Structure formats: structure tokens, C-alpha cells
Amino acid sequence: MILRPYQTNLINATRNSFRTGHNAPCVVLPCGGGKTVCFTFMADQHIRINPDNFVWFLVHRQELVEQTERTFRDFGIPTERVLIGMVQTVSRHLDRYTTPSLIIFDECHHATAKTWLNVINAFPSVPIVGLTGTPALLDGSGLGKIFDSIVIGPGTAELTRDGYLCEYDYYAPKLTD
């Protein structure tokens, strides 16, 4: 698995966040930047460091479960020590799964929801990584109640300029109020 230079920098910055005493970094990278790829790599490295480690890679939609499974498969990364699942399901059956040594949450801007908090509160000493392209809640509040540091990757303009994302047209409905 060969990461792009900015992805390697993002992984290194996340590791540095852990090294400096943080337990829950929120990692920001725009849509299409390869968050799943980066943290599939991190999950694999976490298990290689200690074969007894177990990673939970949790998402909030079935399509993201399939995307994550495909990413592990496409890069030939074994999933015997990885639970790829939906937060909603896992949070209701915490006792059914191997205890994690690392939890990765995709789309972590949802992390203040009850099901997410059930997982986080069940394993207070387990490090977590949150992945998002939008590090704020719809009400405009931040995620500082969950995450203790923020790791910011390159933005959409930089990724487009460097040829990693294509130009796009953006459409949105007109808002009246």
C-alpha cells in the first residue's frame, strides 16, 4: 500500500498527536482525500505492532461498511483483527465483539449521538480516531467534548491544485431564510 505524500503526513501528524498525550484526535480531510485509505493503513499498522491488538472501524451507513471492506480487500489487508461495522449495531451489542485497542470512527461529526457515545463511554481508556471532512455539528458547535486534538490535512483547493481531486461544479438549493 503506497500512500500519497499528504496521506503519509496526515498519518504522521495523527501519530504525533498520540505521542504528545492526546487520546482522541479528530482528523480532517475533504471528501475524496482518502480518509478510509489512510486509516485502513493505520489499522493495519496498529495490528502489525502487536498481533493481539484489535481495531474497530465504525461507520454510520451500510454503504460505508461496504466501502471500508472493499478498501481493506483492495489493499490486501487482512481483517481477522478488525471489526468493520455500523455504530448503531455495535453500540447495542458491545459484549459480542472483541475488546478494541483502537477505535476509528468515520464521519465522526456524528460522534455526539447517543449510539456513538455508548461506544466511546464503554471504552474510556481505548484511543480513538475520528475522521471527517466537516469537523462541526449542524448546530455549529464543535466536537471538543469527544476529541482532544485536531489534525488537519490539506483542503479541497490544495488537493485540486495538486491534481488529487478534479475541478467540480457545486449545486445547492436556494435558501430563503
C-alpha atoms as a PDB file:
ATOM      1  CA  MET A   1       0.000   0.000   0.000  1.00  0.00           C
ATOM      2  CA  ILE A   2       1.557   3.268  -1.113  1.00  0.00           C
ATOM      3  CA  LEU A   3       0.111   6.398   0.413  1.00  0.00           C
ATOM      4  CA  ARG A   4       0.193   9.805  -1.233  1.00  0.00           C
ATOM      5  CA  PRO A   5       2.617  12.255   0.420  1.00  0.00           C
ATOM      6  CA  TYR A   6      -0.176  14.246   2.093  1.00  0.00           C
ATOM      7  CA  GLN A   7      -1.693  10.998   3.415  1.00  0.00           C
ATOM      8  CA  THR A   8       1.636   9.983   4.938  1.00  0.00           C
ATOM      9  CA  ASN A   9       1.861  13.443   6.528  1.00  0.00           C
ATOM     10  CA  LEU A  10      -1.661  13.059   7.910  1.00  0.00           C
ATOM     11  CA  ILE A  11      -0.858   9.645   9.424  1.00  0.00           C
ATOM     12  CA  ASN A  12       2.367  11.021  10.935  1.00  0.00           C
ATOM     13  CA  ALA A  13       0.530  14.023  12.380  1.00  0.00           C
ATOM     14  CA  THR A  14      -2.073  11.687  13.898  1.00  0.00           C
ATOM     15  CA  ARG A  15       0.648   9.523  15.426  1.00  0.00           C
ATOM     16  CA  ASN A  16       2.301  12.658  16.785  1.00  0.00           C
ATOM     17  CA  SER A  17      -0.980  13.647  18.398  1.00  0.00           C
ATOM     18  CA  PHE A  18      -0.972  10.327  20.275  1.00  0.00           C
ATOM     19  CA  ARG A  19       2.740  10.684  21.132  1.00  0.00           C
ATOM     20  CA  THR A  20       2.102  14.085  22.703  1.00  0.00           C
ATOM     21  CA  GLY A  21      -0.514  12.721  25.079  1.00  0.00           C
ATOM     22  CA  HIS A  22      -3.766  13.018  23.188  1.00  0.00           C
ATOM     23  CA  ASN A  23      -6.143  10.060  23.174  1.00  0.00           C
ATOM     24  CA  ALA A  24      -8.765  11.154  20.649  1.00  0.00           C
ATOM     25  CA  PRO A  25      -7.656  13.149  17.597  1.00  0.00           C
ATOM     26  CA  CYS A  26     -10.218  14.352  15.081  1.00  0.00           C
ATOM     27  CA  VAL A  27      -8.679  14.057  11.610  1.00  0.00           C
ATOM     28  CA  VAL A  28      -9.988  16.376   8.910  1.00  0.00           C
ATOM     29  CA  LEU A  29      -9.625  15.651   5.211  1.00  0.00           C
ATOM     30  CA  PRO A  30     -12.130  16.608   2.492  1.00  0.00           C
ATOM     31  CA  CYS A  31     -14.319  14.198   0.590  1.00  0.00           C
ATOM     32  CA  GLY A  32     -12.197  12.284  -1.907  1.00  0.00           C
ATOM     33  CA  GLY A  33      -8.963  12.875   0.005  1.00  0.00           C
ATOM     34  CA  GLY A  34      -8.703   9.241   1.071  1.00  0.00           C
ATOM     35  CA  LYS A  35      -9.618   9.122   4.755  1.00  0.00           C
ATOM     36  CA  THR A  36     -10.618   5.467   4.505  1.00  0.00           C
ATOM     37  CA  VAL A  37      -7.360   4.567   2.767  1.00  0.00           C
ATOM     38  CA  CYS A  38      -5.266   6.438   5.365  1.00  0.00           C
ATOM     39  CA  PHE A  39      -6.899   4.795   8.322  1.00  0.00           C
ATOM     40  CA  THR A  40      -7.097   1.352   6.772  1.00  0.00           C
ATOM     41  CA  PHE A  41      -3.324   1.726   6.655  1.00  0.00           C
ATOM     42  CA  MET A  42      -3.260   2.888  10.295  1.00  0.00           C
ATOM     43  CA  ALA A  43      -5.424  -0.068  11.392  1.00  0.00           C
ATOM     44  CA  ASP A  44      -3.064  -2.469   9.630  1.00  0.00           C
ATOM     45  CA  GLN A  45      -0.011  -0.852  11.250  1.00  0.00           C
ATOM     46  CA  HIS A  46      -1.680  -0.945  14.680  1.00  0.00           C
ATOM     47  CA  ILE A  47      -2.145  -4.703  14.379  1.00  0.00           C
ATOM     48  CA  ARG A  48       1.358  -5.264  12.976  1.00  0.00           C
ATOM     49  CA  ILE A  49       2.831  -3.531  16.036  1.00  0.00           C
ATOM     50  CA  ASN A  50       1.090  -6.025  18.302  1.00  0.00           C
ATOM     51  CA  PRO A  51      -0.765  -9.025  16.852  1.00  0.00           C
ATOM     52  CA  ASP A  52      -3.028  -9.049  19.936  1.00  0.00           C
ATOM     53  CA  ASN A  53      -4.374  -5.601  19.052  1.00  0.00           C
ATOM     54  CA  PHE A  54      -7.899  -5.364  17.717  1.00  0.00           C
ATOM     55  CA  VAL A  55      -9.332  -2.419  15.763  1.00  0.00           C
ATOM     56  CA  TRP A  56     -12.925  -1.301  15.471  1.00  0.00           C
ATOM     57  CA  PHE A  57     -13.557   0.697  12.284  1.00  0.00           C
ATOM     58  CA  LEU A  58     -17.060   2.094  12.771  1.00  0.00           C
ATOM     59  CA  VAL A  59     -19.252   3.961  10.320  1.00  0.00           C
ATOM     60  CA  HIS A  60     -22.858   5.139  10.271  1.00  0.00           C
ATOM     61  CA  ARG A  61     -24.125   3.838   6.905  1.00  0.00           C
ATOM     62  CA  GLN A  62     -24.144   0.449   5.215  1.00  0.00           C
ATOM     63  CA  GLU A  63     -22.543   1.932   2.080  1.00  0.00           C
ATOM     64  CA  LEU A  64     -19.560   2.991   4.192  1.00  0.00           C
ATOM     65  CA  VAL A  65     -19.238  -0.526   5.634  1.00  0.00           C
ATOM     66  CA  GLU A  66     -19.011  -1.834   2.080  1.00  0.00           C
ATOM     67  CA  GLN A  67     -16.536   0.901   1.039  1.00  0.00           C
ATOM     68  CA  THR A  68     -14.316   0.174   4.045  1.00  0.00           C
ATOM     69  CA  GLU A  69     -14.406  -3.596   3.480  1.00  0.00           C
ATOM     70  CA  ARG A  70     -13.540  -3.012  -0.186  1.00  0.00           C
ATOM     71  CA  THR A  71     -10.601  -0.772   0.779  1.00  0.00           C
ATOM     72  CA  PHE A  72      -9.158  -3.438   3.105  1.00  0.00           C
ATOM     73  CA  ARG A  73      -9.677  -6.082   0.401  1.00  0.00           C
ATOM     74  CA  ASP A  74      -8.242  -3.952  -2.448  1.00  0.00           C
ATOM     75  CA  PHE A  75      -5.045  -3.377  -0.495  1.00  0.00           C
ATOM     76  CA  GLY A  76      -4.786  -6.990   0.661  1.00  0.00           C
ATOM     77  CA  ILE A  77      -5.071  -6.069   4.333  1.00  0.00           C
ATOM     78  CA  PRO A  78      -6.463  -8.891   6.477  1.00  0.00           C
ATOM     79  CA  THR A  79      -9.485  -8.154   8.640  1.00  0.00           C
ATOM     80  CA  GLU A  80      -9.246 -11.001  11.156  1.00  0.00           C
ATOM     81  CA  ARG A  81      -8.280  -8.448  13.841  1.00  0.00           C
ATOM     82  CA  VAL A  82     -10.623  -5.711  12.593  1.00  0.00           C
ATOM     83  CA  LEU A  83     -14.324  -5.195  13.190  1.00  0.00           C
ATOM     84  CA  ILE A  84     -15.849  -3.131  10.391  1.00  0.00           C
ATOM     85  CA  GLY A  85     -19.356  -2.269  11.452  1.00  0.00           C
ATOM     86  CA  MET A  86     -22.112   0.229  11.895  1.00  0.00           C
ATOM     87  CA  VAL A  87     -22.049   2.290  15.073  1.00  0.00           C
ATOM     88  CA  GLN A  88     -25.772   1.742  15.565  1.00  0.00           C
ATOM     89  CA  THR A  89     -25.414  -2.052  15.615  1.00  0.00           C
ATOM     90  CA  VAL A  90     -22.166  -2.299  17.544  1.00  0.00           C
ATOM     91  CA  SER A  91     -23.365   0.113  20.253  1.00  0.00           C
ATOM     92  CA  ARG A  92     -26.314  -2.173  21.047  1.00  0.00           C
ATOM     93  CA  HIS A  93     -24.190  -5.332  21.293  1.00  0.00           C
ATOM     94  CA  LEU A  94     -20.866  -4.243  22.778  1.00  0.00           C
ATOM     95  CA  ASP A  95     -20.399  -7.528  24.621  1.00  0.00           C
ATOM     96  CA  ARG A  96     -20.482  -9.566  21.383  1.00  0.00           C
ATOM     97  CA  TYR A  97     -17.238  -8.211  19.984  1.00  0.00           C
ATOM     98  CA  THR A  98     -13.559  -8.483  20.836  1.00  0.00           C
ATOM     99  CA  THR A  99     -12.478  -5.557  23.001  1.00  0.00           C
ATOM    100  CA  PRO A 100     -10.759  -2.945  20.826  1.00  0.00           C
ATOM    101  CA  SER A 101      -7.314  -1.483  21.373  1.00  0.00           C
ATOM    102  CA  LEU A 102      -8.097   1.284  18.848  1.00  0.00           C
ATOM    103  CA  ILE A 103     -11.428   2.637  17.607  1.00  0.00           C
ATOM    104  CA  ILE A 104     -11.673   4.516  14.304  1.00  0.00           C
ATOM    105  CA  PHE A 105     -14.884   6.450  13.663  1.00  0.00           C
ATOM    106  CA  ASP A 106     -15.632   7.536  10.105  1.00  0.00           C
ATOM    107  CA  GLU A 107     -17.873  10.587   9.653  1.00  0.00           C
ATOM    108  CA  CYS A 108     -17.115  11.491  13.267  1.00  0.00           C
ATOM    109  CA  HIS A 109     -19.076  14.729  13.113  1.00  0.00           C
ATOM    110  CA  HIS A 110     -21.911  12.451  14.288  1.00  0.00           C
ATOM    111  CA  ALA A 111     -19.969  11.444  17.428  1.00  0.00           C
ATOM    112  CA  THR A 112     -22.188  13.272  19.893  1.00  0.00           C
ATOM    113  CA  ALA A 113     -25.128  10.990  19.044  1.00  0.00           C
ATOM    114  CA  LYS A 114     -26.203   8.540  21.757  1.00  0.00           C
ATOM    115  CA  THR A 115     -25.087   5.403  19.897  1.00  0.00           C
ATOM    116  CA  TRP A 116     -21.608   6.832  19.317  1.00  0.00           C
ATOM    117  CA  LEU A 117     -21.332   7.926  22.948  1.00  0.00           C
ATOM    118  CA  ASN A 118     -22.318   4.412  24.068  1.00  0.00           C
ATOM    119  CA  VAL A 119     -19.240   3.048  22.297  1.00  0.00           C
ATOM    120  CA  ILE A 120     -16.931   5.828  23.486  1.00  0.00           C
ATOM    121  CA  ASN A 121     -18.109   5.596  27.112  1.00  0.00           C
ATOM    122  CA  ALA A 122     -17.827   1.788  27.156  1.00  0.00           C
ATOM    123  CA  PHE A 123     -14.076   2.015  26.442  1.00  0.00           C
ATOM    124  CA  PRO A 124     -12.803   5.236  28.045  1.00  0.00           C
ATOM    125  CA  SER A 125      -9.148   4.186  28.001  1.00  0.00           C
ATOM    126  CA  VAL A 126      -9.120   2.993  24.370  1.00  0.00           C
ATOM    127  CA  PRO A 127      -7.652   5.533  21.947  1.00  0.00           C
ATOM    128  CA  ILE A 128      -9.997   6.751  19.238  1.00  0.00           C
ATOM    129  CA  VAL A 129      -9.504   8.436  15.906  1.00  0.00           C
ATOM    130  CA  GLY A 130     -12.309  10.412  14.335  1.00  0.00           C
ATOM    131  CA  LEU A 131     -12.390  11.011  10.589  1.00  0.00           C
ATOM    132  CA  THR A 132     -14.409  13.770   8.956  1.00  0.00           C
ATOM    133  CA  GLY A 133     -14.489  16.307   6.186  1.00  0.00           C
ATOM    134  CA  THR A 134     -16.713  18.581   8.280  1.00  0.00           C
ATOM    135  CA  PRO A 135     -15.453  18.985  11.876  1.00  0.00           C
ATOM    136  CA  ALA A 136     -18.541  20.736  13.230  1.00  0.00           C
ATOM    137  CA  LEU A 137     -22.070  19.801  14.143  1.00  0.00           C
ATOM    138  CA  LEU A 138     -25.093  21.084  12.233  1.00  0.00           C
ATOM    139  CA  ASP A 139     -25.849  23.468  15.088  1.00  0.00           C
ATOM    140  CA  GLY A 140     -22.397  24.991  14.598  1.00  0.00           C
ATOM    141  CA  SER A 141     -20.887  23.606  17.789  1.00  0.00           C
ATOM    142  CA  GLY A 142     -17.580  21.798  17.785  1.00  0.00           C
ATOM    143  CA  LEU A 143     -16.554  18.280  18.703  1.00  0.00           C
ATOM    144  CA  GLY A 144     -14.308  19.174  21.652  1.00  0.00           C
ATOM    145  CA  LYS A 145     -16.427  17.157  24.084  1.00  0.00           C
ATOM    146  CA  ILE A 146     -15.326  13.994  22.269  1.00  0.00           C
ATOM    147  CA  PHE A 147     -11.996  14.765  20.616  1.00  0.00           C
ATOM    148  CA  ASP A 148      -8.968  16.242  22.361  1.00  0.00           C
ATOM    149  CA  SER A 149      -6.976  17.393  19.330  1.00  0.00           C
ATOM    150  CA  ILE A 150      -7.483  18.170  15.683  1.00  0.00           C
ATOM    151  CA  VAL A 151      -5.288  17.057  12.799  1.00  0.00           C
ATOM    152  CA  ILE A 152      -5.999  18.994   9.633  1.00  0.00           C
ATOM    153  CA  GLY A 153      -4.944  17.704   6.250  1.00  0.00           C
ATOM    154  CA  PRO A 154      -4.863  19.663   3.018  1.00  0.00           C
ATOM    155  CA  GLY A 155      -8.077  21.299   1.865  1.00  0.00           C
ATOM    156  CA  THR A 156     -10.065  20.781  -1.309  1.00  0.00           C
ATOM    157  CA  ALA A 157      -8.347  23.662  -3.127  1.00  0.00           C
ATOM    158  CA  GLU A 158      -4.874  22.279  -2.364  1.00  0.00           C
ATOM    159  CA  LEU A 159      -5.818  18.731  -3.367  1.00  0.00           C
ATOM    160  CA  THR A 160      -7.361  20.040  -6.596  1.00  0.00           C
ATOM    161  CA  ARG A 161      -4.330  22.240  -7.350  1.00  0.00           C
ATOM    162  CA  ASP A 162      -2.001  19.257  -6.825  1.00  0.00           C
ATOM    163  CA  GLY A 163      -4.051  17.001  -9.123  1.00  0.00           C
ATOM    164  CA  TYR A 164      -5.523  14.677  -6.473  1.00  0.00           C
ATOM    165  CA  LEU A 165      -9.086  15.947  -6.950  1.00  0.00           C
ATOM    166  CA  CYS A 166     -10.740  17.174 -10.129  1.00  0.00           C
ATOM    167  CA  GLU A 167     -12.453  20.502 -10.653  1.00  0.00           C
ATOM    168  CA  TYR A 168     -16.131  20.398  -9.806  1.00  0.00           C
ATOM    169  CA  ASP A 169     -19.366  22.341 -10.112  1.00  0.00           C
ATOM    170  CA  TYR A 170     -21.276  22.817  -6.883  1.00  0.00           C
ATOM    171  CA  TYR A 171     -25.072  22.933  -6.853  1.00  0.00           C
ATOM    172  CA  ALA A 172     -27.281  23.722  -3.882  1.00  0.00           C
ATOM    173  CA  PRO A 173     -30.896  24.738  -3.423  1.00  0.00           C
ATOM    174  CA  LYS A 174     -31.618  28.391  -2.763  1.00  0.00           C
ATOM    175  CA  LEU A 175     -32.237  29.071   0.894  1.00  0.00           C
ATOM    176  CA  THR A 176     -34.952  31.547   1.779  1.00  0.00           C
ATOM    177  CA  ASP A 177     -34.182  32.195   5.425  1.00  0.00           C
END
